[in-house]
Amino acid sequence: MVGRIVSSSRSGNAVGGEAAAVVVGSGLRTEEHAMNGNGLRLVEAEYVRRHHRHEQLGANQCSSALIKHIRAPVHLVWSLVRRFDRPQQYKPFVSRCVVQGSELEIGSVREVNVKSGLPATTTERLELLDDDEHILSVKIVGGDHRLRNYSSVMTAHPEITDGGRPGTLVIESFVVDVPDGNTRDETCYFVEALIKCNLKSLADVSERLAAQDHLSVSK
């Protein structure tokens, strides 16, 4: 299933907040059972409400959240997502990542180089890593790029696929400043496009590893 935009607050409401509008991005709606009136399944809406709260947005910020269903168990997907030190395991635009210091902990900082053709380098800080709830939060704190005050929250939730096998629901939300000369919509669409590529790659890698595990067990 393709990634889909499930929550958007381009008008200034916080993602997942009590007053946040929950909508599905144009052209990305998919048919789901048990959806609420805003296009979200009730369980998805609850995950967004509980885990994807950002501070009240400023007048010059935008925010949204995207969903991806992955046909791989949550422990496998999370093993990729949690590697703050190795985002290139599934993020196709990352060419190099170096973590400052020897210990990976809250407050750790990484320097990320992005492949040619995209801007550019980022310095990112680990804000939250919860292995029990499967929550990762990262904030960009420096670098050569246009994503000022960018922060993201990524969560992984177990579910059962249509075929009855373990699957994972991944939700990634973000908030970022709107650069001078751009609109909120332009900024959100740009970031959403990058996240959709990352989520698709995460699904591809996870599902390939899951298939390998299934083959090794069945032998």
N, C-alpha and C. Protein backbone atom coordinates (compact mmCIF):
# COMPACT_ATOMS: atom_id res chain seq x y z
N MET A 1 0.84 -1.19 0.00
CA MET A 1 0.00 0.00 0.00
C MET A 1 0.88 1.24 0.00
N VAL A 2 0.50 2.23 -0.78
CA VAL A 2 1.28 3.45 -0.85
C VAL A 2 1.16 4.22 0.44
N GLY A 3 2.18 5.03 0.74
CA GLY A 3 2.07 5.92 1.88
C GLY A 3 0.99 6.95 1.61
N ARG A 4 0.31 7.38 2.66
CA ARG A 4 -0.73 8.38 2.45
C ARG A 4 -0.66 9.42 3.54
N ILE A 5 -0.95 10.65 3.16
CA ILE A 5 -0.99 11.75 4.10
C ILE A 5 -2.27 11.63 4.90
N VAL A 6 -2.15 11.57 6.21
CA VAL A 6 -3.35 11.37 7.01
C VAL A 6 -3.69 12.55 7.89
N SER A 7 -2.74 13.42 8.13
CA SER A 7 -3.05 14.55 8.99
C SER A 7 -2.28 15.75 8.51
N SER A 8 -2.93 16.85 8.39
CA SER A 8 -2.27 18.06 7.92
C SER A 8 -2.76 19.26 8.71
N SER A 9 -1.82 20.11 9.13
CA SER A 9 -2.22 21.32 9.84
C SER A 9 -1.50 22.52 9.25
N ARG A 10 -1.69 22.69 7.96
CA ARG A 10 -1.03 23.80 7.27
C ARG A 10 -1.58 25.15 7.72
N SER A 11 -2.74 25.14 8.36
CA SER A 11 -3.34 26.40 8.80
C SER A 11 -2.84 26.84 10.16
N GLY A 12 -1.99 25.98 10.81
CA GLY A 12 -1.40 26.41 12.06
C GLY A 12 -1.81 25.62 13.27
N ASN A 13 -2.62 24.56 13.14
CA ASN A 13 -2.97 23.73 14.28
C ASN A 13 -1.93 22.64 14.47
N ALA A 14 -1.78 22.18 15.70
CA ALA A 14 -0.79 21.16 15.98
C ALA A 14 -1.26 19.81 15.49
N VAL A 15 -0.33 19.02 14.94
CA VAL A 15 -0.66 17.68 14.50
C VAL A 15 -1.10 16.85 15.70
N GLY A 16 -2.26 16.21 15.57
CA GLY A 16 -2.73 15.34 16.64
C GLY A 16 -3.33 16.09 17.82
N GLY A 17 -3.30 17.42 17.80
CA GLY A 17 -3.87 18.18 18.89
C GLY A 17 -5.38 18.14 18.85
N GLU A 18 -6.01 18.61 19.94
CA GLU A 18 -7.45 18.52 20.03
C GLU A 18 -8.14 19.29 18.91
N ALA A 19 -7.51 20.41 18.45
CA ALA A 19 -8.16 21.22 17.42
C ALA A 19 -7.60 20.97 16.03
N ALA A 20 -6.71 19.99 15.92
CA ALA A 20 -6.06 19.75 14.63
C ALA A 20 -7.05 19.16 13.63
N ALA A 21 -6.97 19.66 12.39
CA ALA A 21 -7.78 19.07 11.33
C ALA A 21 -7.10 17.80 10.84
N VAL A 22 -7.85 16.74 10.70
CA VAL A 22 -7.31 15.48 10.20
C VAL A 22 -7.89 15.25 8.83
N VAL A 23 -7.06 15.32 7.80
CA VAL A 23 -7.53 15.22 6.43
C VAL A 23 -6.62 14.27 5.67
N VAL A 24 -7.07 13.85 4.50
CA VAL A 24 -6.26 13.04 3.62
C VAL A 24 -5.84 13.89 2.45
N GLY A 25 -4.54 13.88 2.13
CA GLY A 25 -4.03 14.71 1.06
C GLY A 25 -4.65 14.37 -0.29
N SER A 26 -4.81 15.35 -1.12
CA SER A 26 -5.44 15.18 -2.43
C SER A 26 -4.69 14.15 -3.25
N GLY A 27 -5.44 13.18 -3.81
CA GLY A 27 -4.84 12.18 -4.68
C GLY A 27 -4.19 11.04 -3.94
N LEU A 28 -4.19 11.04 -2.62
CA LEU A 28 -3.54 9.99 -1.84
C LEU A 28 -4.51 9.18 -1.02
N ARG A 29 -5.79 9.42 -1.18
CA ARG A 29 -6.77 8.67 -0.38
C ARG A 29 -6.79 7.20 -0.79
N THR A 30 -6.84 6.31 0.18
CA THR A 30 -6.97 4.89 -0.09
C THR A 30 -8.21 4.38 0.61
N GLU A 31 -8.78 3.31 0.10
CA GLU A 31 -9.98 2.74 0.70
C GLU A 31 -9.60 1.91 1.92
N GLU A 32 -10.14 2.23 3.06
CA GLU A 32 -9.89 1.49 4.30
C GLU A 32 -11.23 1.22 4.97
N HIS A 33 -11.32 0.08 5.65
CA HIS A 33 -12.53 -0.20 6.41
C HIS A 33 -12.45 0.52 7.75
N ALA A 34 -13.60 0.75 8.35
CA ALA A 34 -13.72 1.33 9.69
C ALA A 34 -13.07 2.70 9.79
N MET A 35 -13.10 3.48 8.70
CA MET A 35 -12.54 4.82 8.75
C MET A 35 -13.49 5.76 9.47
N ASN A 36 -12.94 6.79 10.11
CA ASN A 36 -13.79 7.84 10.62
C ASN A 36 -14.11 8.82 9.49
N GLY A 37 -14.84 9.88 9.79
CA GLY A 37 -15.28 10.78 8.74
C GLY A 37 -14.16 11.57 8.10
N ASN A 38 -12.97 11.56 8.69
CA ASN A 38 -11.86 12.32 8.14
C ASN A 38 -10.92 11.46 7.31
N GLY A 39 -11.25 10.21 7.08
CA GLY A 39 -10.41 9.38 6.24
C GLY A 39 -9.42 8.53 6.99
N LEU A 40 -9.43 8.56 8.31
CA LEU A 40 -8.54 7.76 9.14
C LEU A 40 -9.30 6.60 9.75
N ARG A 41 -8.67 5.43 9.80
CA ARG A 41 -9.21 4.39 10.65
C ARG A 41 -9.11 4.88 12.09
N LEU A 42 -10.01 4.44 12.93
CA LEU A 42 -10.05 4.93 14.30
C LEU A 42 -8.75 4.64 15.03
N VAL A 43 -8.15 3.48 14.81
CA VAL A 43 -6.91 3.16 15.50
C VAL A 43 -5.78 4.08 15.04
N GLU A 44 -5.77 4.44 13.76
CA GLU A 44 -4.74 5.35 13.25
C GLU A 44 -4.91 6.74 13.86
N ALA A 45 -6.14 7.20 13.93
CA ALA A 45 -6.42 8.52 14.52
C ALA A 45 -5.97 8.56 15.97
N GLU A 46 -6.17 7.46 16.69
CA GLU A 46 -5.77 7.41 18.09
C GLU A 46 -4.25 7.46 18.22
N TYR A 47 -3.53 6.74 17.35
CA TYR A 47 -2.06 6.79 17.39
C TYR A 47 -1.56 8.21 17.12
N VAL A 48 -2.16 8.88 16.14
CA VAL A 48 -1.76 10.26 15.83
C VAL A 48 -2.01 11.16 17.03
N ARG A 49 -3.19 11.00 17.64
CA ARG A 49 -3.54 11.84 18.79
C ARG A 49 -2.58 11.62 19.95
N ARG A 50 -2.20 10.37 20.20
CA ARG A 50 -1.39 10.05 21.37
C ARG A 50 0.09 10.39 21.19
N HIS A 51 0.62 10.16 20.00
CA HIS A 51 2.07 10.20 19.85
C HIS A 51 2.59 11.32 18.96
N HIS A 52 1.74 11.94 18.18
CA HIS A 52 2.24 12.89 17.19
C HIS A 52 1.77 14.31 17.48
N ARG A 53 1.96 14.70 18.72
CA ARG A 53 1.67 16.07 19.13
C ARG A 53 2.92 16.93 18.97
N HIS A 54 2.78 18.05 18.30
CA HIS A 54 3.85 19.03 18.21
C HIS A 54 3.39 20.30 18.92
N GLU A 55 4.35 21.12 19.28
CA GLU A 55 4.00 22.39 19.91
C GLU A 55 3.13 23.21 18.96
N GLN A 56 2.34 24.12 19.53
CA GLN A 56 1.49 24.97 18.70
C GLN A 56 2.32 25.64 17.62
N LEU A 57 1.90 25.50 16.39
CA LEU A 57 2.68 26.01 15.27
C LEU A 57 2.67 27.52 15.22
N GLY A 58 3.82 28.07 14.78
CA GLY A 58 3.90 29.49 14.54
C GLY A 58 3.23 29.86 13.22
N ALA A 59 3.10 31.15 12.98
CA ALA A 59 2.43 31.62 11.76
C ALA A 59 3.20 31.23 10.51
N ASN A 60 4.51 30.97 10.65
CA ASN A 60 5.34 30.67 9.50
C ASN A 60 5.84 29.23 9.53
N GLN A 61 5.01 28.31 10.03
CA GLN A 61 5.37 26.91 10.07
C GLN A 61 4.29 26.05 9.42
N CYS A 62 4.68 24.83 9.04
CA CYS A 62 3.71 23.87 8.55
C CYS A 62 4.00 22.51 9.15
N SER A 63 3.01 21.65 9.11
CA SER A 63 3.15 20.34 9.72
C SER A 63 2.19 19.37 9.08
N SER A 64 2.57 18.10 9.01
CA SER A 64 1.65 17.06 8.58
C SER A 64 2.18 15.71 9.03
N ALA A 65 1.40 14.67 8.77
CA ALA A 65 1.80 13.31 9.14
C ALA A 65 1.46 12.37 8.00
N LEU A 66 2.26 11.33 7.84
CA LEU A 66 2.05 10.35 6.79
C LEU A 66 2.02 8.95 7.37
N ILE A 67 1.29 8.08 6.69
CA ILE A 67 1.13 6.69 7.14
C ILE A 67 1.69 5.73 6.10
N LYS A 68 2.22 4.59 6.60
CA LYS A 68 2.64 3.51 5.71
C LYS A 68 2.34 2.18 6.39
N HIS A 69 1.69 1.28 5.66
CA HIS A 69 1.47 -0.08 6.13
C HIS A 69 2.54 -0.97 5.53
N ILE A 70 3.24 -1.72 6.37
CA ILE A 70 4.37 -2.53 5.94
C ILE A 70 4.09 -3.99 6.27
N ARG A 71 4.33 -4.86 5.30
CA ARG A 71 4.11 -6.29 5.49
C ARG A 71 5.35 -6.95 6.09
N ALA A 72 5.65 -6.53 7.30
CA ALA A 72 6.78 -7.09 8.07
C ALA A 72 6.48 -6.84 9.54
N PRO A 73 6.95 -7.73 10.42
CA PRO A 73 6.64 -7.56 11.85
C PRO A 73 7.29 -6.33 12.44
N VAL A 74 6.68 -5.80 13.50
CA VAL A 74 7.12 -4.53 14.05
C VAL A 74 8.55 -4.59 14.58
N HIS A 75 8.96 -5.73 15.14
CA HIS A 75 10.32 -5.79 15.68
C HIS A 75 11.35 -5.64 14.57
N LEU A 76 11.05 -6.13 13.39
CA LEU A 76 11.98 -6.02 12.27
C LEU A 76 12.02 -4.58 11.74
N VAL A 77 10.85 -3.99 11.56
CA VAL A 77 10.78 -2.59 11.09
C VAL A 77 11.46 -1.67 12.09
N TRP A 78 11.18 -1.87 13.36
CA TRP A 78 11.76 -1.01 14.39
C TRP A 78 13.28 -1.15 14.45
N SER A 79 13.80 -2.32 14.16
CA SER A 79 15.25 -2.52 14.18
C SER A 79 15.96 -1.62 13.17
N LEU A 80 15.26 -1.24 12.11
CA LEU A 80 15.80 -0.30 11.12
C LEU A 80 15.58 1.14 11.55
N VAL A 81 14.35 1.43 12.00
CA VAL A 81 13.98 2.80 12.35
C VAL A 81 14.81 3.33 13.51
N ARG A 82 15.07 2.50 14.50
CA ARG A 82 15.72 2.95 15.73
C ARG A 82 17.20 3.27 15.55
N ARG A 83 17.79 2.89 14.43
CA ARG A 83 19.22 3.09 14.23
C ARG A 83 19.50 4.55 13.85
N PHE A 84 19.48 5.40 14.86
CA PHE A 84 19.80 6.81 14.66
C PHE A 84 21.18 6.97 14.03
N ASP A 85 22.05 6.01 14.28
CA ASP A 85 23.41 6.08 13.75
C ASP A 85 23.54 5.55 12.33
N ARG A 86 22.48 4.91 11.79
CA ARG A 86 22.57 4.33 10.45
C ARG A 86 21.27 4.54 9.65
N PRO A 87 20.89 5.80 9.43
CA PRO A 87 19.66 6.05 8.66
C PRO A 87 19.77 5.57 7.21
N GLN A 88 21.01 5.45 6.72
CA GLN A 88 21.20 5.02 5.33
C GLN A 88 20.81 3.56 5.11
N GLN A 89 20.48 2.84 6.17
CA GLN A 89 20.01 1.47 6.00
C GLN A 89 18.73 1.41 5.19
N TYR A 90 17.94 2.49 5.25
CA TYR A 90 16.71 2.50 4.45
C TYR A 90 16.42 3.84 3.79
N LYS A 91 17.10 4.91 4.19
CA LYS A 91 16.83 6.22 3.59
C LYS A 91 17.68 6.38 2.33
N PRO A 92 17.07 6.42 1.15
CA PRO A 92 17.84 6.38 -0.09
C PRO A 92 18.67 7.62 -0.38
N PHE A 93 18.32 8.77 0.24
CA PHE A 93 19.04 10.00 -0.07
C PHE A 93 20.24 10.23 0.86
N VAL A 94 20.40 9.41 1.88
CA VAL A 94 21.52 9.59 2.81
C VAL A 94 22.74 8.83 2.30
N SER A 95 23.83 9.55 2.14
CA SER A 95 25.06 8.93 1.66
C SER A 95 26.03 8.62 2.79
N ARG A 96 25.92 9.37 3.90
CA ARG A 96 26.87 9.19 4.99
C ARG A 96 26.28 9.74 6.28
N CYS A 97 26.56 9.07 7.39
CA CYS A 97 26.09 9.53 8.70
C CYS A 97 27.16 9.24 9.73
N VAL A 98 27.51 10.27 10.50
CA VAL A 98 28.52 10.14 11.55
C VAL A 98 27.93 10.67 12.84
N VAL A 99 27.90 9.83 13.88
CA VAL A 99 27.40 10.24 15.19
C VAL A 99 28.55 10.73 16.04
N GLN A 100 28.35 11.87 16.68
CA GLN A 100 29.36 12.41 17.57
C GLN A 100 29.36 11.63 18.88
N GLY A 101 30.55 11.24 19.34
CA GLY A 101 30.66 10.49 20.59
C GLY A 101 30.49 9.00 20.36
N SER A 102 30.75 8.24 21.40
CA SER A 102 30.72 6.78 21.30
C SER A 102 29.41 6.17 21.78
N GLU A 103 28.63 6.92 22.56
CA GLU A 103 27.39 6.40 23.12
C GLU A 103 26.19 6.97 22.37
N LEU A 104 25.22 6.10 22.09
CA LEU A 104 23.97 6.53 21.47
C LEU A 104 22.93 6.73 22.56
N GLU A 105 22.54 8.00 22.79
CA GLU A 105 21.62 8.32 23.88
C GLU A 105 20.84 9.57 23.52
N ILE A 106 19.83 9.88 24.32
CA ILE A 106 19.05 11.10 24.10
C ILE A 106 20.00 12.29 24.14
N GLY A 107 19.92 13.14 23.13
CA GLY A 107 20.83 14.27 23.01
C GLY A 107 21.99 14.00 22.08
N SER A 108 22.17 12.75 21.63
CA SER A 108 23.23 12.44 20.67
C SER A 108 23.00 13.22 19.38
N VAL A 109 24.10 13.58 18.73
CA VAL A 109 24.04 14.39 17.51
C VAL A 109 24.70 13.63 16.37
N ARG A 110 24.08 13.69 15.20
CA ARG A 110 24.65 13.06 14.01
C ARG A 110 24.80 14.08 12.89
N GLU A 111 25.83 13.89 12.09
CA GLU A 111 26.04 14.69 10.89
C GLU A 111 25.65 13.83 9.69
N VAL A 112 24.70 14.32 8.90
CA VAL A 112 24.16 13.54 7.79
C VAL A 112 24.49 14.24 6.47
N ASN A 113 25.08 13.49 5.55
CA ASN A 113 25.32 13.98 4.20
C ASN A 113 24.26 13.41 3.26
N VAL A 114 23.71 14.27 2.43
CA VAL A 114 22.67 13.87 1.49
C VAL A 114 23.28 13.77 0.10
N LYS A 115 22.81 12.80 -0.67
CA LYS A 115 23.36 12.57 -2.00
C LYS A 115 23.19 13.78 -2.90
N SER A 116 24.06 13.87 -3.90
CA SER A 116 24.08 15.00 -4.82
C SER A 116 22.72 15.21 -5.46
N GLY A 117 22.36 16.49 -5.63
CA GLY A 117 21.10 16.83 -6.26
C GLY A 117 20.06 17.30 -5.26
N LEU A 118 20.33 17.12 -3.97
CA LEU A 118 19.42 17.59 -2.93
C LEU A 118 20.21 18.43 -1.94
N PRO A 119 19.55 19.34 -1.26
CA PRO A 119 20.24 20.07 -0.20
C PRO A 119 20.28 19.20 1.04
N ALA A 120 21.34 19.05 1.64
CA ALA A 120 22.75 19.20 1.44
C ALA A 120 23.38 18.43 2.60
N THR A 121 23.59 19.09 3.75
CA THR A 121 24.05 18.42 4.96
C THR A 121 23.19 18.88 6.13
N THR A 122 22.98 17.99 7.09
CA THR A 122 22.20 18.36 8.27
C THR A 122 22.89 17.87 9.53
N THR A 123 22.72 18.65 10.60
CA THR A 123 23.12 18.23 11.93
C THR A 123 21.84 17.95 12.71
N GLU A 124 21.71 16.72 13.21
CA GLU A 124 20.44 16.28 13.79
C GLU A 124 20.65 15.75 15.21
N ARG A 125 19.72 16.06 16.09
CA ARG A 125 19.81 15.63 17.49
C ARG A 125 18.70 14.62 17.81
N LEU A 126 19.07 13.58 18.53
CA LEU A 126 18.11 12.57 18.97
C LEU A 126 17.34 13.12 20.16
N GLU A 127 16.04 13.29 19.99
CA GLU A 127 15.18 13.85 21.03
C GLU A 127 14.52 12.77 21.88
N LEU A 128 14.18 11.65 21.25
CA LEU A 128 13.50 10.57 21.97
C LEU A 128 13.74 9.25 21.25
N LEU A 129 14.05 8.22 22.02
CA LEU A 129 14.17 6.86 21.49
C LEU A 129 13.55 5.91 22.51
N ASP A 130 12.34 5.45 22.22
CA ASP A 130 11.58 4.61 23.14
C ASP A 130 11.39 3.23 22.51
N ASP A 131 12.16 2.26 22.99
CA ASP A 131 12.10 0.91 22.43
C ASP A 131 10.86 0.15 22.86
N ASP A 132 10.21 0.58 23.93
CA ASP A 132 8.99 -0.08 24.38
C ASP A 132 7.79 0.36 23.55
N GLU A 133 7.67 1.67 23.33
CA GLU A 133 6.54 2.21 22.57
C GLU A 133 6.86 2.37 21.08
N HIS A 134 8.13 2.13 20.71
CA HIS A 134 8.57 2.26 19.32
C HIS A 134 8.37 3.69 18.80
N ILE A 135 9.02 4.64 19.48
CA ILE A 135 8.93 6.05 19.12
C ILE A 135 10.33 6.61 18.92
N LEU A 136 10.53 7.28 17.81
CA LEU A 136 11.78 7.97 17.51
C LEU A 136 11.47 9.42 17.18
N SER A 137 12.17 10.35 17.85
CA SER A 137 12.00 11.77 17.56
C SER A 137 13.36 12.40 17.30
N VAL A 138 13.44 13.17 16.22
CA VAL A 138 14.70 13.78 15.78
C VAL A 138 14.44 15.24 15.45
N LYS A 139 15.41 16.10 15.76
CA LYS A 139 15.31 17.53 15.46
C LYS A 139 16.56 17.96 14.71
N ILE A 140 16.39 18.73 13.64
CA ILE A 140 17.53 19.30 12.92
C ILE A 140 17.98 20.56 13.64
N VAL A 141 19.27 20.60 13.99
CA VAL A 141 19.79 21.71 14.78
C VAL A 141 20.87 22.50 14.04
N GLY A 142 21.21 22.12 12.81
CA GLY A 142 22.22 22.85 12.06
C GLY A 142 22.43 22.22 10.70
N GLY A 143 23.37 22.82 9.94
CA GLY A 143 23.71 22.27 8.63
C GLY A 143 23.40 23.22 7.49
N ASP A 144 23.71 22.75 6.29
CA ASP A 144 23.52 23.53 5.07
C ASP A 144 22.25 23.03 4.38
N HIS A 145 21.12 23.64 4.68
CA HIS A 145 19.83 23.19 4.17
C HIS A 145 18.80 24.30 4.40
N ARG A 146 17.56 24.05 3.97
CA ARG A 146 16.50 25.06 4.12
C ARG A 146 15.44 24.64 5.13
N LEU A 147 15.64 23.52 5.79
CA LEU A 147 14.62 23.00 6.70
C LEU A 147 14.88 23.51 8.12
N ARG A 148 14.58 24.75 8.36
CA ARG A 148 14.84 25.36 9.66
C ARG A 148 13.80 24.92 10.69
N ASN A 149 14.28 24.66 11.90
CA ASN A 149 13.42 24.24 13.01
C ASN A 149 12.59 23.00 12.65
N TYR A 150 13.21 22.10 11.91
CA TYR A 150 12.53 20.85 11.54
C TYR A 150 12.64 19.84 12.66
N SER A 151 11.51 19.26 13.03
CA SER A 151 11.52 18.14 13.98
C SER A 151 10.51 17.11 13.52
N SER A 152 10.78 15.85 13.83
CA SER A 152 9.90 14.78 13.38
C SER A 152 9.69 13.76 14.49
N VAL A 153 8.57 13.08 14.40
CA VAL A 153 8.25 11.96 15.29
C VAL A 153 7.87 10.79 14.40
N MET A 154 8.46 9.63 14.67
CA MET A 154 8.17 8.42 13.90
C MET A 154 7.78 7.32 14.87
N THR A 155 6.66 6.66 14.61
CA THR A 155 6.19 5.58 15.48
C THR A 155 5.90 4.34 14.65
N ALA A 156 6.05 3.17 15.28
CA ALA A 156 5.77 1.89 14.63
C ALA A 156 4.80 1.10 15.52
N HIS A 157 3.75 0.57 14.91
CA HIS A 157 2.68 -0.09 15.66
C HIS A 157 2.38 -1.45 15.03
N PRO A 158 2.28 -2.50 15.83
CA PRO A 158 1.97 -3.82 15.26
C PRO A 158 0.54 -3.90 14.74
N GLU A 159 0.37 -4.63 13.66
CA GLU A 159 -0.95 -4.89 13.11
C GLU A 159 -0.90 -6.23 12.37
N ILE A 160 -2.04 -6.69 11.91
CA ILE A 160 -2.12 -7.93 11.16
C ILE A 160 -2.46 -7.59 9.71
N THR A 161 -1.72 -8.16 8.76
CA THR A 161 -1.95 -7.88 7.35
C THR A 161 -3.20 -8.61 6.86
N ASP A 162 -3.60 -8.28 5.63
CA ASP A 162 -4.76 -8.94 5.03
C ASP A 162 -4.56 -10.45 4.96
N GLY A 163 -3.31 -10.87 4.83
CA GLY A 163 -3.01 -12.30 4.75
C GLY A 163 -2.89 -12.99 6.08
N GLY A 164 -3.11 -12.23 7.16
CA GLY A 164 -3.06 -12.81 8.50
C GLY A 164 -1.68 -12.88 9.11
N ARG A 165 -0.70 -12.25 8.48
CA ARG A 165 0.66 -12.26 9.01
C ARG A 165 0.95 -10.96 9.77
N PRO A 166 1.96 -10.97 10.64
CA PRO A 166 2.32 -9.75 11.37
C PRO A 166 2.74 -8.64 10.42
N GLY A 167 2.21 -7.46 10.65
CA GLY A 167 2.57 -6.29 9.87
C GLY A 167 2.84 -5.11 10.79
N THR A 168 3.17 -3.98 10.19
CA THR A 168 3.51 -2.79 10.97
C THR A 168 2.87 -1.56 10.35
N LEU A 169 2.25 -0.76 11.17
CA LEU A 169 1.75 0.56 10.78
C LEU A 169 2.79 1.59 11.22
N VAL A 170 3.35 2.33 10.27
CA VAL A 170 4.34 3.37 10.57
C VAL A 170 3.70 4.73 10.32
N ILE A 171 3.86 5.63 11.28
CA ILE A 171 3.39 7.01 11.15
C ILE A 171 4.57 7.95 11.37
N GLU A 172 4.75 8.88 10.46
CA GLU A 172 5.80 9.89 10.63
C GLU A 172 5.18 11.28 10.48
N SER A 173 5.40 12.12 11.47
CA SER A 173 4.89 13.48 11.44
C SER A 173 6.06 14.45 11.56
N PHE A 174 5.84 15.68 11.13
CA PHE A 174 6.91 16.68 11.19
C PHE A 174 6.33 18.07 11.35
N VAL A 175 7.18 18.98 11.79
CA VAL A 175 6.89 20.42 11.79
C VAL A 175 8.14 21.12 11.31
N VAL A 176 7.99 22.19 10.53
CA VAL A 176 9.14 22.88 9.96
C VAL A 176 8.76 24.32 9.63
N ASP A 177 9.75 25.20 9.66
CA ASP A 177 9.55 26.58 9.23
C ASP A 177 9.34 26.63 7.71
N VAL A 178 8.52 27.57 7.26
CA VAL A 178 8.34 27.81 5.83
C VAL A 178 9.43 28.78 5.37
N PRO A 179 10.30 28.36 4.44
CA PRO A 179 11.38 29.25 3.99
C PRO A 179 10.83 30.50 3.31
N ASP A 180 11.62 31.56 3.36
CA ASP A 180 11.25 32.77 2.64
C ASP A 180 11.10 32.46 1.15
N GLY A 181 10.03 32.98 0.56
CA GLY A 181 9.79 32.77 -0.86
C GLY A 181 8.97 31.54 -1.17
N ASN A 182 8.62 30.75 -0.14
CA ASN A 182 7.80 29.55 -0.35
C ASN A 182 6.50 29.67 0.44
N THR A 183 5.50 28.92 0.01
CA THR A 183 4.23 28.86 0.73
C THR A 183 4.24 27.64 1.65
N ARG A 184 3.26 27.59 2.56
CA ARG A 184 3.11 26.42 3.42
C ARG A 184 2.90 25.16 2.60
N ASP A 185 2.02 25.25 1.60
CA ASP A 185 1.74 24.07 0.79
C ASP A 185 2.99 23.58 0.06
N GLU A 186 3.75 24.50 -0.51
CA GLU A 186 4.97 24.11 -1.21
C GLU A 186 5.94 23.41 -0.28
N THR A 187 6.09 23.95 0.92
CA THR A 187 7.02 23.37 1.88
C THR A 187 6.56 21.99 2.33
N CYS A 188 5.27 21.86 2.66
CA CYS A 188 4.75 20.57 3.10
C CYS A 188 4.86 19.53 1.99
N TYR A 189 4.52 19.90 0.77
CA TYR A 189 4.59 18.94 -0.32
C TYR A 189 6.02 18.45 -0.54
N PHE A 190 7.00 19.36 -0.40
CA PHE A 190 8.40 18.98 -0.58
C PHE A 190 8.83 17.98 0.49
N VAL A 191 8.53 18.30 1.75
CA VAL A 191 8.93 17.40 2.83
C VAL A 191 8.17 16.08 2.75
N GLU A 192 6.89 16.16 2.45
CA GLU A 192 6.09 14.94 2.32
C GLU A 192 6.64 14.01 1.24
N ALA A 193 7.11 14.61 0.14
CA ALA A 193 7.67 13.79 -0.95
C ALA A 193 8.91 13.03 -0.47
N LEU A 194 9.77 13.69 0.30
CA LEU A 194 10.95 13.03 0.83
C LEU A 194 10.57 11.91 1.80
N ILE A 195 9.61 12.21 2.68
CA ILE A 195 9.19 11.20 3.66
C ILE A 195 8.55 10.00 2.96
N LYS A 196 7.74 10.25 1.94
CA LYS A 196 7.12 9.14 1.22
C LYS A 196 8.18 8.23 0.58
N CYS A 197 9.25 8.83 0.05
CA CYS A 197 10.34 8.02 -0.51
C CYS A 197 11.00 7.19 0.58
N ASN A 198 11.24 7.82 1.74
CA ASN A 198 11.85 7.09 2.85
C ASN A 198 10.96 5.95 3.34
N LEU A 199 9.66 6.20 3.45
CA LEU A 199 8.75 5.17 3.94
C LEU A 199 8.62 4.02 2.94
N LYS A 200 8.61 4.34 1.66
CA LYS A 200 8.58 3.29 0.65
C LYS A 200 9.83 2.42 0.72
N SER A 201 10.98 3.08 0.88
CA SER A 201 12.23 2.34 1.00
C SER A 201 12.25 1.50 2.27
N LEU A 202 11.73 2.07 3.38
CA LEU A 202 11.65 1.31 4.63
C LEU A 202 10.80 0.06 4.43
N ALA A 203 9.68 0.20 3.73
CA ALA A 203 8.83 -0.96 3.46
C ALA A 203 9.54 -1.98 2.60
N ASP A 204 10.23 -1.53 1.56
CA ASP A 204 10.93 -2.45 0.66
C ASP A 204 11.99 -3.25 1.41
N VAL A 205 12.81 -2.55 2.20
CA VAL A 205 13.87 -3.22 2.94
C VAL A 205 13.29 -4.17 3.98
N SER A 206 12.29 -3.70 4.73
CA SER A 206 11.69 -4.52 5.78
C SER A 206 11.04 -5.77 5.21
N GLU A 207 10.29 -5.61 4.13
CA GLU A 207 9.58 -6.74 3.54
C GLU A 207 10.56 -7.74 2.92
N ARG A 208 11.65 -7.25 2.37
CA ARG A 208 12.67 -8.16 1.85
C ARG A 208 13.31 -8.97 2.97
N LEU A 209 13.61 -8.33 4.08
CA LEU A 209 14.19 -9.04 5.23
C LEU A 209 13.19 -10.03 5.82
N ALA A 210 11.91 -9.63 5.85
CA ALA A 210 10.89 -10.53 6.38
C ALA A 210 10.75 -11.77 5.50
N ALA A 211 10.82 -11.58 4.18
CA ALA A 211 10.74 -12.71 3.27
C ALA A 211 11.93 -13.65 3.46
N GLN A 212 13.11 -13.08 3.67
CA GLN A 212 14.29 -13.90 3.91
C GLN A 212 14.15 -14.70 5.20
N ASP A 213 13.62 -14.05 6.25
CA ASP A 213 13.40 -14.75 7.52
C ASP A 213 12.40 -15.88 7.34
N HIS A 214 11.34 -15.62 6.57
CA HIS A 214 10.31 -16.64 6.36
C HIS A 214 10.89 -17.85 5.62
N LEU A 215 11.75 -17.58 4.63
CA LEU A 215 12.36 -18.67 3.87
C LEU A 215 13.30 -19.49 4.74
N SER A 216 14.07 -18.81 5.59
CA SER A 216 15.03 -19.53 6.44
C SER A 216 14.31 -20.39 7.47
N VAL A 217 13.17 -19.91 7.96
CA VAL A 217 12.40 -20.69 8.95
C VAL A 217 11.74 -21.89 8.30
N SER A 218 11.29 -21.73 7.05
CA SER A 218 10.56 -22.81 6.38
C SER A 218 11.47 -23.91 5.86
N LYS A 219 12.79 -23.67 5.84
CA LYS A 219 13.71 -24.69 5.34
C LYS A 219 13.87 -25.83 6.34
